[in-house]
C-alpha atoms as a PDB file:
ATOM      1  CA  MET A   1      47.691 -14.088  -4.081  1.00  0.00           C
ATOM      2  CA  HIS A   2      44.670 -16.688  -4.394  1.00  0.00           C
ATOM      3  CA  GLY A   3      43.339 -15.696  -1.036  1.00  0.00           C
ATOM      4  CA  VAL A   4      43.318 -11.974  -1.961  1.00  0.00           C
ATOM      5  CA  ASP A   5      41.144 -12.451  -4.914  1.00  0.00           C
ATOM      6  CA  ARG A   6      38.615 -14.199  -2.845  1.00  0.00           C
ATOM      7  CA  LEU A   7      38.818 -11.871  -0.082  1.00  0.00           C
ATOM      8  CA  ILE A   8      37.948  -8.957  -3.113  1.00  0.00           C
ATOM      9  CA  ARG A   9      35.254 -10.875  -4.764  1.00  0.00           C
ATOM     10  CA  PHE A  10      33.880 -11.675  -1.181  1.00  0.00           C
ATOM     11  CA  VAL A  11      33.684  -7.879  -0.360  1.00  0.00           C
ATOM     12  CA  GLY A  12      32.692  -7.128  -3.665  1.00  0.00           C
ATOM     13  CA  LEU A  13      29.458  -9.457  -3.246  1.00  0.00           C
ATOM     14  CA  LEU A  14      28.932  -8.040   0.230  1.00  0.00           C
ATOM     15  CA  SER A  15      28.928  -4.624  -0.886  1.00  0.00           C
ATOM     16  CA  LEU A  16      26.295  -5.704  -3.220  1.00  0.00           C
ATOM     17  CA  LEU A  17      24.030  -7.150  -0.873  1.00  0.00           C
ATOM     18  CA  LEU A  18      24.082  -4.491   1.175  1.00  0.00           C
ATOM     19  CA  GLY A  19      23.423  -1.891  -1.788  1.00  0.00           C
ATOM     20  CA  LEU A  20      20.526  -3.683  -2.529  1.00  0.00           C
ATOM     21  CA  THR A  21      18.867  -3.941   0.491  1.00  0.00           C
ATOM     22  CA  SER A  22      19.753  -0.298   1.533  1.00  0.00           C
ATOM     23  CA  CYS A  23      17.868   0.665  -1.330  1.00  0.00           C
ATOM     24  CA  GLY A  24      14.895  -1.219  -0.433  1.00  0.00           C
ATOM     25  CA  PHE A  25      15.025  -3.757  -3.089  1.00  0.00           C
ATOM     26  CA  HIS A  26      13.264  -6.881  -1.815  1.00  0.00           C
ATOM     27  CA  LEU A  27      11.999 -10.416  -3.540  1.00  0.00           C
ATOM     28  CA  LYS A  28       8.489 -10.366  -5.518  1.00  0.00           C
ATOM     29  CA  GLY A  29       6.122 -11.191  -2.933  1.00  0.00           C
ATOM     30  CA  TYR A  30       8.084 -10.168   0.154  1.00  0.00           C
ATOM     31  CA  GLN A  31       6.739  -7.898   2.192  1.00  0.00           C
ATOM     32  CA  GLN A  32       7.612  -6.106   5.515  1.00  0.00           C
ATOM     33  CA  ALA A  33       5.592  -5.580   8.601  1.00  0.00           C
ATOM     34  CA  ALA A  34       4.277  -2.817   9.115  1.00  0.00           C
ATOM     35  CA  PRO A  35       3.828  -1.762  13.171  1.00  0.00           C
ATOM     36  CA  ASP A  36       0.273  -0.436  12.842  1.00  0.00           C
ATOM     37  CA  LEU A  37      -0.645  -4.160  11.855  1.00  0.00           C
ATOM     38  CA  HIS A  38       0.817  -5.975  14.912  1.00  0.00           C
ATOM     39  CA  GLY A  39      -1.647  -7.266  16.805  1.00  0.00           C
ATOM     40  CA  LEU A  40      -4.545  -7.852  14.156  1.00  0.00           C
ATOM     41  CA  TYR A  41      -6.678 -10.659  14.288  1.00  0.00           C
ATOM     42  CA  VAL A  42      -7.509 -12.347  11.152  1.00  0.00           C
ATOM     43  CA  GLU A  43     -10.999 -13.971  11.695  1.00  0.00           C
ATOM     44  CA  GLN A  44     -11.425 -17.636  10.211  1.00  0.00           C
ATOM     45  CA  GLY A  45      -7.479 -17.239   9.341  1.00  0.00           C
ATOM     46  CA  GLU A  46      -7.226 -20.933  10.333  1.00  0.00           C
ATOM     47  CA  GLN A  47      -9.130 -22.107   7.157  1.00  0.00           C
ATOM     48  CA  ARG A  48      -5.839 -22.624   5.123  1.00  0.00           C
ATOM     49  CA  SER A  49      -7.157 -22.417   1.771  1.00  0.00           C
ATOM     50  CA  SER A  50      -9.390 -19.296   1.959  1.00  0.00           C
ATOM     51  CA  LEU A  51      -8.676 -16.035   1.394  1.00  0.00           C
ATOM     52  CA  ALA A  52      -8.530 -15.201   5.449  1.00  0.00           C
ATOM     53  CA  GLY A  53      -5.820 -18.117   5.457  1.00  0.00           C
ATOM     54  CA  VAL A  54      -3.783 -16.832   2.883  1.00  0.00           C
ATOM     55  CA  ILE A  55      -3.672 -13.398   4.219  1.00  0.00           C
ATOM     56  CA  GLN A  56      -2.899 -14.586   7.775  1.00  0.00           C
ATOM     57  CA  ARG A  57       0.065 -16.591   6.205  1.00  0.00           C
ATOM     58  CA  GLU A  58       1.157 -13.354   4.491  1.00  0.00           C
ATOM     59  CA  LEU A  59       1.019 -11.636   7.463  1.00  0.00           C
ATOM     60  CA  SER A  60       2.864 -13.950   9.475  1.00  0.00           C
ATOM     61  CA  VAL A  61       5.682 -14.290   7.065  1.00  0.00           C
ATOM     62  CA  ALA A  62       5.906 -11.097   6.325  1.00  0.00           C
ATOM     63  CA  GLY A  63       6.442 -10.552  10.524  1.00  0.00           C
ATOM     64  CA  VAL A  64       3.434  -9.435  11.904  1.00  0.00           C
ATOM     65  CA  GLN A  65       2.777 -10.339  15.319  1.00  0.00           C
ATOM     66  CA  LEU A  66      -0.888 -11.933  14.961  1.00  0.00           C
ATOM     67  CA  VAL A  67      -2.972 -12.658  18.013  1.00  0.00           C
ATOM     68  CA  SER A  68      -4.968 -15.919  18.274  1.00  0.00           C
ATOM     69  CA  THR A  69      -7.843 -14.859  19.929  1.00  0.00           C
ATOM     70  CA  ALA A  70     -10.272 -11.509  19.057  1.00  0.00           C
ATOM     71  CA  GLU A  71     -10.065 -10.427  22.404  1.00  0.00           C
ATOM     72  CA  GLN A  72      -6.604  -9.957  22.307  1.00  0.00           C
ATOM     73  CA  ALA A  73      -6.680  -7.922  18.973  1.00  0.00           C
ATOM     74  CA  ASN A  74      -6.203  -4.238  18.491  1.00  0.00           C
ATOM     75  CA  HIS A  75      -7.944  -4.429  15.206  1.00  0.00           C
ATOM     76  CA  ARG A  76      -9.838  -7.303  13.677  1.00  0.00           C
ATOM     77  CA  LEU A  77      -9.728  -8.424   9.774  1.00  0.00           C
ATOM     78  CA  ARG A  78     -13.223  -9.925   8.160  1.00  0.00           C
ATOM     79  CA  THR A  79     -13.139 -10.922   5.069  1.00  0.00           C
ATOM     80  CA  THR A  80     -17.157 -10.384   4.080  1.00  0.00           C
ATOM     81  CA  LYS A  81     -16.869 -12.023   0.523  1.00  0.00           C
ATOM     82  CA  GLU A  82     -14.831 -14.073  -1.617  1.00  0.00           C
ATOM     83  CA  GLN A  83     -16.645 -15.687  -5.094  1.00  0.00           C
ATOM     84  CA  PHE A  84     -14.977 -16.956  -7.915  1.00  0.00           C
ATOM     85  CA  SER A  85     -16.940 -16.601 -11.227  1.00  0.00           C
ATOM     86  CA  ARG A  86     -15.813 -17.652 -14.592  1.00  0.00           C
ATOM     87  CA  ARG A  87     -17.767 -16.546 -18.080  1.00  0.00           C
ATOM     88  CA  VAL A  88     -17.247 -17.641 -21.543  1.00  0.00           C
ATOM     89  CA  ILE A  89     -15.337 -14.871 -23.719  1.00  0.00           C
ATOM     90  CA  ALA A  90     -14.581 -16.912 -26.967  1.00  0.00           C
ATOM     91  CA  VAL A  91     -15.917 -20.420 -28.617  1.00  0.00           C
ATOM     92  CA  ASP A  92     -15.100 -22.115 -31.718  1.00  0.00           C
ATOM     93  CA  ALA A  93     -17.206 -22.994 -34.916  1.00  0.00           C
ATOM     94  CA  ASN A  94     -18.413 -26.232 -33.002  1.00  0.00           C
ATOM     95  CA  GLY A  95     -19.248 -24.241 -29.758  1.00  0.00           C
ATOM     96  CA  LYS A  96     -16.218 -25.479 -27.850  1.00  0.00           C
ATOM     97  CA  VAL A  97     -14.960 -23.003 -25.084  1.00  0.00           C
ATOM     98  CA  LEU A  98     -11.601 -21.323 -26.272  1.00  0.00           C
ATOM     99  CA  GLU A  99     -11.099 -18.578 -23.383  1.00  0.00           C
ATOM    100  CA  TYR A 100     -12.662 -18.074 -20.153  1.00  0.00           C
ATOM    101  CA  GLU A 101     -12.561 -15.247 -18.186  1.00  0.00           C
ATOM    102  CA  LEU A 102     -11.528 -16.143 -14.304  1.00  0.00           C
ATOM    103  CA  ARG A 103     -12.705 -13.300 -11.667  1.00  0.00           C
ATOM    104  CA  LEU A 104     -12.299 -13.495  -7.859  1.00  0.00           C
ATOM    105  CA  GLU A 105     -14.433 -10.756  -6.019  1.00  0.00           C
ATOM    106  CA  ALA A 106     -13.604  -9.784  -2.690  1.00  0.00           C
ATOM    107  CA  ALA A 107     -14.486  -7.511   0.132  1.00  0.00           C
ATOM    108  CA  PHE A 108     -13.125  -6.848   3.863  1.00  0.00           C
ATOM    109  CA  MET A 109     -13.965  -4.611   6.918  1.00  0.00           C
ATOM    110  CA  VAL A 110     -11.837  -4.076   9.968  1.00  0.00           C
ATOM    111  CA  LEU A 111     -13.219  -3.770  13.345  1.00  0.00           C
ATOM    112  CA  GLY A 112     -11.799  -2.092  16.463  1.00  0.00           C
ATOM    113  CA  LYS A 113     -11.236  -3.465  19.846  1.00  0.00           C
ATOM    114  CA  ALA A 114     -14.961  -3.072  20.956  1.00  0.00           C
ATOM    115  CA  GLY A 115     -16.241  -4.257  17.641  1.00  0.00           C
ATOM    116  CA  ALA A 116     -16.547  -0.837  16.253  1.00  0.00           C
ATOM    117  CA  GLN A 117     -16.015  -0.681  12.489  1.00  0.00           C
ATOM    118  CA  ARG A 118     -12.628   0.914  12.012  1.00  0.00           C
ATOM    119  CA  LEU A 119     -12.558   0.834   8.511  1.00  0.00           C
ATOM    120  CA  PRO A 120     -15.609   0.525   6.001  1.00  0.00           C
ATOM    121  CA  VAL A 121     -16.293  -2.625   3.856  1.00  0.00           C
ATOM    122  CA  GLN A 122     -14.307  -2.247   0.884  1.00  0.00           C
ATOM    123  CA  SER A 123     -14.720  -4.495  -2.150  1.00  0.00           C
ATOM    124  CA  LEU A 124     -12.092  -5.458  -4.897  1.00  0.00           C
ATOM    125  CA  GLU A 125     -11.776  -7.301  -8.238  1.00  0.00           C
ATOM    126  CA  LEU A 126      -9.347  -9.610  -9.867  1.00  0.00           C
ATOM    127  CA  VAL A 127      -9.648 -10.826 -13.416  1.00  0.00           C
ATOM    128  CA  ARG A 128      -7.814 -13.146 -15.409  1.00  0.00           C
ATOM    129  CA  HIS A 129      -8.136 -14.768 -18.990  1.00  0.00           C
ATOM    130  CA  LEU A 130      -7.721 -18.640 -19.292  1.00  0.00           C
ATOM    131  CA  THR A 131      -7.143 -19.661 -22.853  1.00  0.00           C
ATOM    132  CA  LEU A 132      -7.795 -23.223 -23.594  1.00  0.00           C
ATOM    133  CA  SER A 133      -6.583 -25.861 -26.375  1.00  0.00           C
ATOM    134  CA  GLU A 134      -8.424 -29.115 -27.619  1.00  0.00           C
ATOM    135  CA  ALA A 135      -5.171 -31.030 -26.607  1.00  0.00           C
ATOM    136  CA  ASP A 136      -4.689 -31.128 -22.903  1.00  0.00           C
ATOM    137  CA  GLU A 137      -7.852 -30.934 -21.106  1.00  0.00           C
ATOM    138  CA  LEU A 138      -6.470 -32.205 -17.767  1.00  0.00           C
ATOM    139  CA  GLY A 139      -3.680 -29.467 -17.795  1.00  0.00           C
ATOM    140  CA  GLN A 140      -6.178 -26.825 -18.561  1.00  0.00           C
ATOM    141  CA  ARG A 141      -8.125 -27.994 -15.154  1.00  0.00           C
ATOM    142  CA  ASN A 142      -4.737 -28.050 -13.362  1.00  0.00           C
ATOM    143  CA  GLU A 143      -4.026 -24.394 -14.806  1.00  0.00           C
ATOM    144  CA  ALA A 144      -7.095 -23.245 -13.973  1.00  0.00           C
ATOM    145  CA  ALA A 145      -6.501 -24.492 -10.311  1.00  0.00           C
ATOM    146  CA  LEU A 146      -3.188 -22.937 -10.094  1.00  0.00           C
ATOM    147  CA  MET A 147      -4.968 -19.603 -11.376  1.00  0.00           C
ATOM    148  CA  ARG A 148      -7.034 -19.548  -8.699  1.00  0.00           C
ATOM    149  CA  ILE A 149      -4.582 -19.794  -5.991  1.00  0.00           C
ATOM    150  CA  ASP A 150      -2.463 -17.255  -7.738  1.00  0.00           C
ATOM    151  CA  MET A 151      -5.553 -15.220  -7.818  1.00  0.00           C
ATOM    152  CA  ARG A 152      -6.351 -15.688  -4.298  1.00  0.00           C
ATOM    153  CA  GLN A 153      -2.370 -14.510  -3.022  1.00  0.00           C
ATOM    154  CA  ASP A 154      -2.422 -11.571  -5.401  1.00  0.00           C
ATOM    155  CA  MET A 155      -5.760 -10.740  -3.447  1.00  0.00           C
ATOM    156  CA  ALA A 156      -4.244 -11.190  -0.131  1.00  0.00           C
ATOM    157  CA  GLY A 157      -1.098  -8.564  -1.293  1.00  0.00           C
ATOM    158  CA  GLN A 158      -3.724  -6.179  -2.411  1.00  0.00           C
ATOM    159  CA  ILE A 159      -5.611  -6.530   1.063  1.00  0.00           C
ATOM    160  CA  ILE A 160      -2.750  -6.181   3.222  1.00  0.00           C
ATOM    161  CA  ARG A 161      -1.155  -3.328   1.264  1.00  0.00           C
ATOM    162  CA  ARG A 162      -4.558  -1.607   1.750  1.00  0.00           C
ATOM    163  CA  LEU A 163      -4.127  -2.335   5.601  1.00  0.00           C
ATOM    164  CA  GLN A 164      -1.086  -0.963   5.779  1.00  0.00           C
ATOM    165  CA  ALA A 165      -1.850   2.414   4.264  1.00  0.00           C
ATOM    166  CA  GLN A 166      -5.000   2.831   5.972  1.00  0.00           C
ATOM    167  CA  LEU A 167      -4.267   1.741   9.238  1.00  0.00           C
ATOM    168  CA  LYS A 168      -1.660   4.401  10.018  1.00  0.00           C
END
């Protein structure tokens, strides 16, 4: 009887997992490869900490078959701008900063096989707020660095979604 209970649980769990995948459910950050992106070359993708490097990593994880040279590419993705900036939003009575606005501005374009512009330059912008406390200055610097990494990943996701929609 114990074996039957295990089998019923296993079948129930298996049917639940199959149901979730068939309805289109995916974990956050997981993207499926669009067939139109196969053969893409990401310029400066070897620079791992840059926006282009993050885009290349995200596409590889999604199963997109990237090419290693621009000559082999169906399309070339070129990031033309990646700029972080910060602006003070709030200060206390002594002039100490309480809150920053972090901003990431990026622009990209897609070139075709012959180098002709396939998609025009498109600009995107992300804004995040960082609240500071007096107690943990080192932690705040680490949080700002982590926030920049997160913003770069969010920006890469937005660019990939635009590519999927526009290269059909």
